[in-house]
Amino acid sequence: MREAAVTRTTKETDIAVRLNLDGGSVSASTGIGFFDHMLQAFGVHGGFGLEIRAHGDLEVDAHHTVEDTGIVLGKALGEALGDKSGIARFGSFYVPMDEALAFAAVDVSGRPFLHFEADFSQERCGQYDICLTEEFFRAFAVNAGITLHLRLLYGANAHHEAEALFKACAHALRLAVCAKKGLLSTKGVL
């Protein structure tokens, strides 16, 4: 089964994620409208079934909610992949979003790493601090055990820039987790 349900509760957040790598309904409710939009785009463009419910200390700011959502989604991906056998392992994708262009490359390797390169045009999108995009993807990559490279090549609107990154990541990940025979590793293990 390529699915997982993970919950995490701390003094700052209470988060539940259900992920199915082979599709299903998509919904996100975090209390941060723009972030919900990004998570829904991630689910739809990845072809995943994705349900996210998060309650956080938004009276402080959105940081804990965004980062902890990345942690839980990453853990769900790792659990859904199991021993990682039978997947393509690598994926890369460019996404244009109007004037913005983003690139993502992923290796489902068991070696967590994030390279994030983005100079956003604005600091906020609604109630969302755009700098939290990197925090989300770092938490996601580390907890999923994937190597993830994200690059915003250019853009002029932070909404388009962030959305292009989320969609590029989703498409790259969709390619990486698609079914293949065997285990793509010269070591015989990931």
N, C-alpha and C. Protein backbone atom coordinates (compact mmCIF):
# COMPACT_ATOMS: atom_id res chain seq x y z
N MET A 1 0.84 -1.19 0.00
CA MET A 1 0.00 0.00 0.00
C MET A 1 0.87 1.23 0.00
N ARG A 2 0.65 2.11 -0.94
CA ARG A 2 1.44 3.33 -1.05
C ARG A 2 0.68 4.49 -0.42
N GLU A 3 0.36 4.31 0.85
CA GLU A 3 -0.35 5.36 1.56
C GLU A 3 0.06 5.38 3.02
N ALA A 4 -0.21 6.51 3.66
CA ALA A 4 0.14 6.65 5.07
C ALA A 4 -0.73 7.71 5.70
N ALA A 5 -0.95 7.57 6.99
CA ALA A 5 -1.63 8.58 7.80
C ALA A 5 -0.73 8.86 8.99
N VAL A 6 -0.36 10.12 9.17
CA VAL A 6 0.56 10.51 10.23
C VAL A 6 -0.03 11.70 10.98
N THR A 7 0.07 11.65 12.29
CA THR A 7 -0.34 12.79 13.12
C THR A 7 0.83 13.20 14.00
N ARG A 8 0.82 14.47 14.38
CA ARG A 8 1.86 15.00 15.27
C ARG A 8 1.24 16.13 16.09
N THR A 9 1.38 16.03 17.40
CA THR A 9 0.85 17.06 18.29
C THR A 9 1.97 17.57 19.19
N THR A 10 2.15 18.88 19.21
CA THR A 10 3.11 19.53 20.10
C THR A 10 2.37 20.63 20.85
N LYS A 11 3.07 21.38 21.65
CA LYS A 11 2.45 22.52 22.34
C LYS A 11 2.12 23.64 21.37
N GLU A 12 2.70 23.60 20.16
CA GLU A 12 2.50 24.66 19.17
C GLU A 12 1.54 24.28 18.05
N THR A 13 1.49 22.98 17.71
CA THR A 13 0.68 22.56 16.56
C THR A 13 0.04 21.20 16.79
N ASP A 14 -1.02 20.95 16.03
CA ASP A 14 -1.69 19.65 15.98
C ASP A 14 -1.98 19.38 14.51
N ILE A 15 -1.28 18.41 13.94
CA ILE A 15 -1.32 18.21 12.49
C ILE A 15 -1.62 16.76 12.15
N ALA A 16 -2.51 16.57 11.17
CA ALA A 16 -2.82 15.23 10.65
C ALA A 16 -2.71 15.27 9.13
N VAL A 17 -2.01 14.29 8.58
CA VAL A 17 -1.83 14.18 7.13
C VAL A 17 -2.18 12.76 6.71
N ARG A 18 -2.96 12.66 5.65
CA ARG A 18 -3.24 11.38 4.99
C ARG A 18 -2.76 11.54 3.55
N LEU A 19 -1.88 10.64 3.12
CA LEU A 19 -1.27 10.72 1.79
C LEU A 19 -1.42 9.39 1.08
N ASN A 20 -1.89 9.43 -0.16
CA ASN A 20 -1.95 8.26 -1.01
C ASN A 20 -1.21 8.62 -2.30
N LEU A 21 -0.12 7.93 -2.57
CA LEU A 21 0.71 8.25 -3.73
C LEU A 21 0.02 7.94 -5.05
N ASP A 22 -1.06 7.16 -5.02
CA ASP A 22 -1.73 6.76 -6.25
C ASP A 22 -3.03 7.50 -6.51
N GLY A 23 -3.28 8.57 -5.75
CA GLY A 23 -4.43 9.42 -6.05
C GLY A 23 -5.49 9.41 -4.98
N GLY A 24 -6.45 10.29 -5.18
CA GLY A 24 -7.55 10.44 -4.24
C GLY A 24 -7.91 11.91 -4.11
N SER A 25 -8.77 12.19 -3.15
CA SER A 25 -9.21 13.57 -2.96
C SER A 25 -8.09 14.41 -2.36
N VAL A 26 -8.20 15.73 -2.56
CA VAL A 26 -7.19 16.66 -2.07
C VAL A 26 -7.88 17.75 -1.27
N SER A 27 -7.41 17.97 -0.03
CA SER A 27 -7.92 19.07 0.78
C SER A 27 -6.84 19.49 1.76
N ALA A 28 -6.85 20.76 2.11
CA ALA A 28 -5.89 21.30 3.07
C ALA A 28 -6.57 22.38 3.88
N SER A 29 -6.43 22.29 5.18
CA SER A 29 -7.00 23.29 6.09
C SER A 29 -5.98 23.56 7.18
N THR A 30 -5.27 24.68 7.05
CA THR A 30 -4.22 25.03 8.01
C THR A 30 -4.51 26.35 8.73
N GLY A 31 -5.51 27.08 8.27
CA GLY A 31 -5.76 28.40 8.81
C GLY A 31 -4.97 29.48 8.10
N ILE A 32 -4.18 29.09 7.10
CA ILE A 32 -3.37 30.02 6.30
C ILE A 32 -3.78 29.84 4.85
N GLY A 33 -4.62 30.73 4.36
CA GLY A 33 -5.24 30.56 3.04
C GLY A 33 -4.26 30.29 1.91
N PHE A 34 -3.21 31.08 1.80
CA PHE A 34 -2.27 30.90 0.70
C PHE A 34 -1.55 29.55 0.82
N PHE A 35 -1.19 29.16 2.03
CA PHE A 35 -0.52 27.88 2.25
C PHE A 35 -1.45 26.72 1.87
N ASP A 36 -2.73 26.83 2.22
CA ASP A 36 -3.70 25.81 1.79
C ASP A 36 -3.71 25.69 0.28
N HIS A 37 -3.69 26.83 -0.40
CA HIS A 37 -3.67 26.85 -1.87
C HIS A 37 -2.43 26.13 -2.41
N MET A 38 -1.27 26.35 -1.78
CA MET A 38 -0.03 25.69 -2.22
C MET A 38 -0.09 24.18 -1.97
N LEU A 39 -0.60 23.78 -0.81
CA LEU A 39 -0.71 22.36 -0.50
C LEU A 39 -1.69 21.65 -1.43
N GLN A 40 -2.78 22.31 -1.76
CA GLN A 40 -3.75 21.73 -2.70
C GLN A 40 -3.12 21.59 -4.08
N ALA A 41 -2.35 22.60 -4.51
CA ALA A 41 -1.66 22.51 -5.80
C ALA A 41 -0.66 21.36 -5.78
N PHE A 42 0.04 21.19 -4.67
CA PHE A 42 1.00 20.09 -4.53
C PHE A 42 0.30 18.74 -4.69
N GLY A 43 -0.83 18.56 -4.03
CA GLY A 43 -1.56 17.30 -4.14
C GLY A 43 -2.08 17.04 -5.53
N VAL A 44 -2.70 18.04 -6.12
CA VAL A 44 -3.29 17.89 -7.45
C VAL A 44 -2.21 17.63 -8.50
N HIS A 45 -1.14 18.43 -8.49
CA HIS A 45 -0.11 18.29 -9.52
C HIS A 45 0.77 17.07 -9.31
N GLY A 46 0.83 16.56 -8.08
CA GLY A 46 1.55 15.32 -7.84
C GLY A 46 0.71 14.09 -8.18
N GLY A 47 -0.60 14.30 -8.37
CA GLY A 47 -1.50 13.17 -8.61
C GLY A 47 -1.73 12.36 -7.35
N PHE A 48 -1.57 13.00 -6.19
CA PHE A 48 -1.68 12.32 -4.91
C PHE A 48 -3.06 12.50 -4.30
N GLY A 49 -3.46 11.55 -3.48
CA GLY A 49 -4.54 11.78 -2.55
C GLY A 49 -3.92 12.46 -1.34
N LEU A 50 -4.42 13.60 -0.94
CA LEU A 50 -3.78 14.36 0.13
C LEU A 50 -4.82 15.09 0.96
N GLU A 51 -4.84 14.78 2.23
CA GLU A 51 -5.71 15.47 3.17
C GLU A 51 -4.85 15.98 4.31
N ILE A 52 -4.90 17.29 4.55
CA ILE A 52 -4.09 17.91 5.59
C ILE A 52 -5.00 18.74 6.48
N ARG A 53 -4.88 18.49 7.78
CA ARG A 53 -5.58 19.31 8.78
C ARG A 53 -4.54 19.76 9.78
N ALA A 54 -4.43 21.08 9.95
CA ALA A 54 -3.44 21.61 10.88
C ALA A 54 -4.03 22.73 11.70
N HIS A 55 -3.78 22.69 12.99
CA HIS A 55 -4.12 23.78 13.90
C HIS A 55 -2.83 24.19 14.57
N GLY A 56 -2.51 25.47 14.48
CA GLY A 56 -1.27 25.94 15.07
C GLY A 56 -1.44 27.26 15.78
N ASP A 57 -0.36 27.71 16.40
CA ASP A 57 -0.37 28.96 17.16
C ASP A 57 -0.22 30.16 16.21
N LEU A 58 -1.24 30.35 15.38
CA LEU A 58 -1.20 31.43 14.40
C LEU A 58 -1.22 32.81 15.05
N GLU A 59 -1.58 32.87 16.35
CA GLU A 59 -1.51 34.15 17.04
C GLU A 59 -0.06 34.60 17.20
N VAL A 60 0.89 33.64 17.13
CA VAL A 60 2.31 33.98 17.14
C VAL A 60 2.72 34.39 15.73
N ASP A 61 2.64 33.47 14.82
CA ASP A 61 2.79 33.67 13.38
C ASP A 61 2.60 32.31 12.72
N ALA A 62 2.85 32.21 11.43
CA ALA A 62 2.57 30.97 10.71
C ALA A 62 3.74 29.99 10.71
N HIS A 63 4.88 30.38 11.25
CA HIS A 63 6.09 29.57 11.13
C HIS A 63 5.91 28.15 11.64
N HIS A 64 5.43 27.97 12.86
CA HIS A 64 5.31 26.63 13.43
C HIS A 64 4.36 25.76 12.61
N THR A 65 3.25 26.34 12.18
CA THR A 65 2.27 25.58 11.41
C THR A 65 2.85 25.13 10.08
N VAL A 66 3.54 26.02 9.39
CA VAL A 66 4.10 25.69 8.08
C VAL A 66 5.22 24.65 8.21
N GLU A 67 6.15 24.89 9.11
CA GLU A 67 7.26 23.96 9.28
C GLU A 67 6.78 22.59 9.75
N ASP A 68 5.88 22.57 10.73
CA ASP A 68 5.40 21.29 11.25
C ASP A 68 4.57 20.52 10.22
N THR A 69 3.87 21.24 9.36
CA THR A 69 3.16 20.57 8.26
C THR A 69 4.16 19.90 7.33
N GLY A 70 5.27 20.56 7.06
CA GLY A 70 6.33 19.94 6.26
C GLY A 70 6.89 18.69 6.92
N ILE A 71 7.06 18.74 8.24
CA ILE A 71 7.55 17.57 8.98
C ILE A 71 6.60 16.39 8.81
N VAL A 72 5.31 16.64 9.04
CA VAL A 72 4.33 15.55 9.01
C VAL A 72 4.12 15.03 7.59
N LEU A 73 4.08 15.92 6.61
CA LEU A 73 3.94 15.47 5.22
C LEU A 73 5.18 14.66 4.80
N GLY A 74 6.35 15.09 5.22
CA GLY A 74 7.57 14.34 4.91
C GLY A 74 7.54 12.95 5.53
N LYS A 75 7.13 12.85 6.78
CA LYS A 75 7.03 11.55 7.45
C LYS A 75 6.01 10.66 6.72
N ALA A 76 4.91 11.25 6.29
CA ALA A 76 3.90 10.47 5.57
C ALA A 76 4.46 9.95 4.25
N LEU A 77 5.21 10.78 3.53
CA LEU A 77 5.81 10.32 2.28
C LEU A 77 6.77 9.16 2.54
N GLY A 78 7.64 9.32 3.53
CA GLY A 78 8.58 8.25 3.86
C GLY A 78 7.87 6.96 4.21
N GLU A 79 6.81 7.05 4.99
CA GLU A 79 6.05 5.85 5.37
C GLU A 79 5.34 5.23 4.17
N ALA A 80 4.77 6.07 3.30
CA ALA A 80 4.06 5.56 2.12
C ALA A 80 5.01 4.86 1.16
N LEU A 81 6.27 5.27 1.13
CA LEU A 81 7.24 4.67 0.22
C LEU A 81 7.83 3.36 0.75
N GLY A 82 7.70 3.11 2.03
CA GLY A 82 8.22 1.87 2.60
C GLY A 82 9.71 1.72 2.35
N ASP A 83 10.12 0.59 1.75
CA ASP A 83 11.55 0.36 1.50
C ASP A 83 12.03 1.00 0.19
N LYS A 84 11.16 1.74 -0.47
CA LYS A 84 11.47 2.50 -1.69
C LYS A 84 11.72 1.62 -2.92
N SER A 85 11.48 0.32 -2.82
CA SER A 85 11.67 -0.53 -3.99
C SER A 85 10.51 -0.33 -4.96
N GLY A 86 10.80 -0.52 -6.22
CA GLY A 86 9.76 -0.45 -7.23
C GLY A 86 9.35 0.95 -7.64
N ILE A 87 10.25 1.93 -7.44
CA ILE A 87 9.96 3.30 -7.88
C ILE A 87 11.05 3.79 -8.82
N ALA A 88 10.75 4.82 -9.58
CA ALA A 88 11.72 5.39 -10.52
C ALA A 88 12.88 6.07 -9.80
N ARG A 89 12.66 6.53 -8.60
CA ARG A 89 13.64 7.16 -7.70
C ARG A 89 13.96 8.60 -8.04
N PHE A 90 14.23 8.93 -9.29
CA PHE A 90 14.60 10.29 -9.69
C PHE A 90 13.46 10.97 -10.45
N GLY A 91 13.36 12.27 -10.29
CA GLY A 91 12.41 13.05 -11.07
C GLY A 91 12.85 14.50 -11.11
N SER A 92 12.59 15.15 -12.23
CA SER A 92 12.88 16.58 -12.34
C SER A 92 11.83 17.21 -13.24
N PHE A 93 11.59 18.51 -13.01
CA PHE A 93 10.50 19.16 -13.74
C PHE A 93 10.65 20.67 -13.68
N TYR A 94 10.35 21.33 -14.81
CA TYR A 94 10.23 22.79 -14.87
C TYR A 94 8.75 23.15 -14.88
N VAL A 95 8.38 24.20 -14.17
CA VAL A 95 7.01 24.71 -14.23
C VAL A 95 7.04 26.21 -14.48
N PRO A 96 6.44 26.65 -15.59
CA PRO A 96 6.23 28.08 -15.81
C PRO A 96 4.91 28.49 -15.17
N MET A 97 4.89 29.61 -14.51
CA MET A 97 3.66 30.15 -13.93
C MET A 97 3.62 31.61 -14.32
N ASP A 98 2.97 31.88 -15.43
CA ASP A 98 2.97 33.22 -16.01
C ASP A 98 4.41 33.70 -16.20
N GLU A 99 4.83 34.75 -15.50
CA GLU A 99 6.17 35.32 -15.70
C GLU A 99 7.26 34.57 -14.93
N ALA A 100 6.86 33.64 -14.06
CA ALA A 100 7.80 32.93 -13.20
C ALA A 100 8.14 31.56 -13.78
N LEU A 101 9.37 31.11 -13.51
CA LEU A 101 9.80 29.79 -13.93
C LEU A 101 10.55 29.14 -12.77
N ALA A 102 10.15 27.91 -12.42
CA ALA A 102 10.78 27.18 -11.32
C ALA A 102 11.19 25.78 -11.78
N PHE A 103 12.21 25.26 -11.12
CA PHE A 103 12.74 23.93 -11.42
C PHE A 103 12.85 23.13 -10.12
N ALA A 104 12.55 21.83 -10.21
CA ALA A 104 12.72 20.92 -9.08
C ALA A 104 13.36 19.64 -9.56
N ALA A 105 14.26 19.10 -8.74
CA ALA A 105 14.86 17.79 -8.98
C ALA A 105 14.85 17.04 -7.65
N VAL A 106 14.47 15.76 -7.71
CA VAL A 106 14.36 14.96 -6.50
C VAL A 106 15.00 13.60 -6.70
N ASP A 107 15.63 13.11 -5.62
CA ASP A 107 16.16 11.76 -5.56
C ASP A 107 15.61 11.15 -4.28
N VAL A 108 14.77 10.14 -4.42
CA VAL A 108 14.20 9.44 -3.27
C VAL A 108 15.26 8.43 -2.82
N SER A 109 16.22 8.92 -2.07
CA SER A 109 17.46 8.20 -1.82
C SER A 109 17.65 7.73 -0.39
N GLY A 110 16.88 8.26 0.55
CA GLY A 110 17.14 8.00 1.95
C GLY A 110 18.19 8.94 2.52
N ARG A 111 18.70 9.84 1.69
CA ARG A 111 19.69 10.83 2.13
C ARG A 111 19.04 12.21 2.09
N PRO A 112 18.60 12.72 3.24
CA PRO A 112 17.88 13.99 3.27
C PRO A 112 18.79 15.19 2.99
N PHE A 113 18.36 16.03 2.05
CA PHE A 113 19.12 17.23 1.71
C PHE A 113 18.18 18.18 0.98
N LEU A 114 18.34 19.46 1.23
CA LEU A 114 17.60 20.48 0.48
C LEU A 114 18.57 21.54 -0.01
N HIS A 115 18.52 21.80 -1.30
CA HIS A 115 19.15 22.99 -1.87
C HIS A 115 17.99 23.87 -2.35
N PHE A 116 17.90 25.07 -1.80
CA PHE A 116 16.79 25.97 -2.10
C PHE A 116 17.35 27.30 -2.56
N GLU A 117 16.98 27.68 -3.76
CA GLU A 117 17.48 28.92 -4.35
C GLU A 117 16.30 29.71 -4.90
N ALA A 118 15.92 30.77 -4.17
CA ALA A 118 14.78 31.59 -4.61
C ALA A 118 14.91 32.98 -4.04
N ASP A 119 14.79 33.95 -4.91
CA ASP A 119 14.77 35.35 -4.51
C ASP A 119 13.37 35.87 -4.85
N PHE A 120 12.49 35.82 -3.85
CA PHE A 120 11.09 36.17 -4.09
C PHE A 120 10.91 37.68 -4.28
N SER A 121 9.94 38.04 -5.08
CA SER A 121 9.70 39.44 -5.43
C SER A 121 8.96 40.23 -4.35
N GLN A 122 8.17 39.54 -3.52
CA GLN A 122 7.48 40.20 -2.41
C GLN A 122 7.68 39.36 -1.15
N GLU A 123 7.42 39.95 0.01
CA GLU A 123 7.63 39.28 1.29
C GLU A 123 6.43 38.47 1.75
N ARG A 124 5.24 38.80 1.26
CA ARG A 124 4.03 38.12 1.75
C ARG A 124 3.07 37.82 0.61
N CYS A 125 2.30 36.76 0.84
CA CYS A 125 1.14 36.45 0.00
C CYS A 125 0.00 36.23 0.98
N GLY A 126 -0.89 37.18 1.08
CA GLY A 126 -1.96 37.10 2.08
C GLY A 126 -1.36 37.09 3.46
N GLN A 127 -1.75 36.09 4.27
CA GLN A 127 -1.23 35.95 5.64
C GLN A 127 0.05 35.08 5.69
N TYR A 128 0.60 34.76 4.55
CA TYR A 128 1.73 33.83 4.45
C TYR A 128 3.02 34.60 4.20
N ASP A 129 3.99 34.43 5.11
CA ASP A 129 5.32 35.00 4.90
C ASP A 129 6.05 34.11 3.90
N ILE A 130 6.41 34.69 2.77
CA ILE A 130 6.95 33.91 1.66
C ILE A 130 8.26 33.19 2.03
N CYS A 131 9.00 33.71 3.02
CA CYS A 131 10.23 33.05 3.46
C CYS A 131 9.96 31.68 4.07
N LEU A 132 8.72 31.42 4.47
CA LEU A 132 8.37 30.12 5.06
C LEU A 132 8.38 29.00 4.03
N THR A 133 8.41 29.35 2.76
CA THR A 133 8.46 28.34 1.70
C THR A 133 9.69 27.46 1.86
N GLU A 134 10.83 28.08 2.11
CA GLU A 134 12.05 27.30 2.32
C GLU A 134 11.96 26.45 3.58
N GLU A 135 11.38 26.99 4.64
CA GLU A 135 11.23 26.23 5.89
C GLU A 135 10.37 24.99 5.67
N PHE A 136 9.28 25.15 4.91
CA PHE A 136 8.41 24.01 4.61
C PHE A 136 9.18 22.93 3.86
N PHE A 137 9.86 23.33 2.79
CA PHE A 137 10.53 22.33 1.97
C PHE A 137 11.69 21.67 2.70
N ARG A 138 12.39 22.40 3.57
CA ARG A 138 13.47 21.78 4.35
C ARG A 138 12.90 20.71 5.28
N ALA A 139 11.84 21.05 6.00
CA ALA A 139 11.21 20.09 6.91
C ALA A 139 10.69 18.88 6.14
N PHE A 140 10.10 19.13 4.98
CA PHE A 140 9.57 18.06 4.14
C PHE A 140 10.68 17.12 3.67
N ALA A 141 11.75 17.67 3.09
CA ALA A 141 12.83 16.85 2.54
C ALA A 141 13.53 16.04 3.63
N VAL A 142 13.83 16.68 4.75
CA VAL A 142 14.54 15.99 5.83
C VAL A 142 13.71 14.84 6.38
N ASN A 143 12.43 15.09 6.61
CA ASN A 143 11.59 14.06 7.21
C ASN A 143 11.15 12.98 6.24
N ALA A 144 11.16 13.29 4.94
CA ALA A 144 10.87 12.27 3.92
C ALA A 144 12.11 11.45 3.59
N GLY A 145 13.29 11.98 3.90
CA GLY A 145 14.52 11.29 3.54
C GLY A 145 14.82 11.38 2.07
N ILE A 146 14.55 12.55 1.47
CA ILE A 146 14.80 12.75 0.04
C ILE A 146 15.82 13.86 -0.17
N THR A 147 16.48 13.81 -1.29
CA THR A 147 17.31 14.92 -1.74
C THR A 147 16.44 15.76 -2.67
N LEU A 148 16.34 17.04 -2.36
CA LEU A 148 15.45 17.93 -3.11
C LEU A 148 16.18 19.21 -3.47
N HIS A 149 16.21 19.52 -4.74
CA HIS A 149 16.77 20.77 -5.23
C HIS A 149 15.64 21.59 -5.83
N LEU A 150 15.49 22.81 -5.35
CA LEU A 150 14.46 23.72 -5.85
C LEU A 150 15.12 25.03 -6.25
N ARG A 151 14.73 25.51 -7.43
CA ARG A 151 15.32 26.77 -7.91
C ARG A 151 14.27 27.60 -8.60
N LEU A 152 14.13 28.83 -8.16
CA LEU A 152 13.31 29.81 -8.86
C LEU A 152 14.23 30.54 -9.82
N LEU A 153 14.00 30.35 -11.11
CA LEU A 153 14.89 30.95 -12.09
C LEU A 153 14.62 32.44 -12.25
N TYR A 154 13.33 32.80 -12.27
CA TYR A 154 12.96 34.21 -12.35
C TYR A 154 11.48 34.36 -12.12
N GLY A 155 11.06 35.61 -11.94
CA GLY A 155 9.65 35.92 -11.73
C GLY A 155 9.51 37.35 -11.24
N ALA A 156 8.27 37.80 -11.12
CA ALA A 156 8.02 39.16 -10.65
C ALA A 156 6.88 39.22 -9.65
N ASN A 157 6.21 38.09 -9.42
CA ASN A 157 5.06 38.03 -8.52
C ASN A 157 5.26 36.84 -7.58
N ALA A 158 5.34 37.12 -6.28
CA ALA A 158 5.66 36.07 -5.31
C ALA A 158 4.63 34.94 -5.31
N HIS A 159 3.37 35.26 -5.58
CA HIS A 159 2.35 34.21 -5.66
C HIS A 159 2.71 33.22 -6.76
N HIS A 160 3.03 33.72 -7.94
CA HIS A 160 3.39 32.86 -9.06
C HIS A 160 4.70 32.12 -8.78
N GLU A 161 5.66 32.81 -8.14
CA GLU A 161 6.96 32.21 -7.87
C GLU A 161 6.83 31.02 -6.91
N ALA A 162 6.12 31.22 -5.81
CA ALA A 162 5.94 30.13 -4.84
C ALA A 162 5.12 29.00 -5.44
N GLU A 163 4.07 29.34 -6.16
CA GLU A 163 3.22 28.30 -6.75
C GLU A 163 3.99 27.47 -7.76
N ALA A 164 4.85 28.11 -8.54
CA ALA A 164 5.67 27.38 -9.51
C ALA A 164 6.59 26.39 -8.79
N LEU A 165 7.14 26.79 -7.65
CA LEU A 165 8.02 25.89 -6.88
C LEU A 165 7.24 24.70 -6.33
N PHE A 166 6.07 24.94 -5.74
CA PHE A 166 5.27 23.84 -5.21
C PHE A 166 4.85 22.87 -6.33
N LYS A 167 4.45 23.41 -7.46
CA LYS A 167 4.02 22.56 -8.57
C LYS A 167 5.19 21.80 -9.18
N ALA A 168 6.35 22.46 -9.32
CA ALA A 168 7.53 21.78 -9.87
C ALA A 168 7.93 20.62 -8.96
N CYS A 169 7.91 20.86 -7.65
CA CYS A 169 8.24 19.79 -6.70
C CYS A 169 7.26 18.63 -6.82
N ALA A 170 5.98 18.94 -6.92
CA ALA A 170 4.96 17.89 -7.02
C ALA A 170 5.16 17.05 -8.28
N HIS A 171 5.41 17.69 -9.41
CA HIS A 171 5.60 16.95 -10.66
C HIS A 171 6.87 16.10 -10.61
N ALA A 172 7.96 16.66 -10.07
CA ALA A 172 9.21 15.91 -9.96
C ALA A 172 9.01 14.69 -9.05
N LEU A 173 8.31 14.89 -7.95
CA LEU A 173 8.07 13.80 -7.01
C LEU A 173 7.15 12.74 -7.63
N ARG A 174 6.16 13.17 -8.40
CA ARG A 174 5.27 12.22 -9.08
C ARG A 174 6.08 11.30 -9.98
N LEU A 175 7.04 11.89 -10.71
CA LEU A 175 7.89 11.08 -11.59
C LEU A 175 8.79 10.13 -10.78
N ALA A 176 9.30 10.61 -9.65
CA ALA A 176 10.22 9.81 -8.84
C ALA A 176 9.54 8.62 -8.17
N VAL A 177 8.26 8.77 -7.81
CA VAL A 177 7.59 7.68 -7.09
C VAL A 177 6.77 6.78 -8.00
N CYS A 178 6.80 7.02 -9.31
CA CYS A 178 6.04 6.15 -10.21
C CYS A 178 6.66 4.75 -10.22
N ALA A 179 5.84 3.78 -10.49
CA ALA A 179 6.23 2.37 -10.39
C ALA A 179 7.26 1.98 -11.44
N LYS A 180 8.30 1.32 -11.01
CA LYS A 180 9.34 0.72 -11.86
C LYS A 180 9.70 -0.62 -11.24
N LYS A 181 10.24 -1.52 -12.03
CA LYS A 181 10.65 -2.82 -11.49
C LYS A 181 12.00 -2.70 -10.82
N GLY A 182 12.14 -3.38 -9.70
CA GLY A 182 13.43 -3.46 -9.02
C GLY A 182 13.73 -2.26 -8.16
N LEU A 183 14.99 -2.17 -7.75
CA LEU A 183 15.49 -1.10 -6.90
C LEU A 183 16.62 -0.40 -7.64
N LEU A 184 16.46 0.87 -7.90
CA LEU A 184 17.46 1.62 -8.65
C LEU A 184 18.59 2.06 -7.73
N SER A 185 19.50 1.14 -7.47
CA SER A 185 20.67 1.44 -6.64
C SER A 185 21.75 0.41 -6.94
N THR A 186 22.95 0.89 -7.22
CA THR A 186 24.06 -0.05 -7.43
C THR A 186 24.44 -0.74 -6.13
N LYS A 187 24.03 -0.17 -5.00
CA LYS A 187 24.32 -0.77 -3.69
C LYS A 187 23.33 -1.89 -3.35
N GLY A 188 22.19 -1.88 -4.04
CA GLY A 188 21.15 -2.87 -3.76
C GLY A 188 20.24 -2.48 -2.64
N VAL A 189 20.43 -1.29 -2.08
CA VAL A 189 19.60 -0.81 -0.99
C VAL A 189 19.61 0.72 -0.98
N LEU A 190 18.50 1.31 -0.57
CA LEU A 190 18.46 2.77 -0.41
C LEU A 190 18.39 3.10 1.07
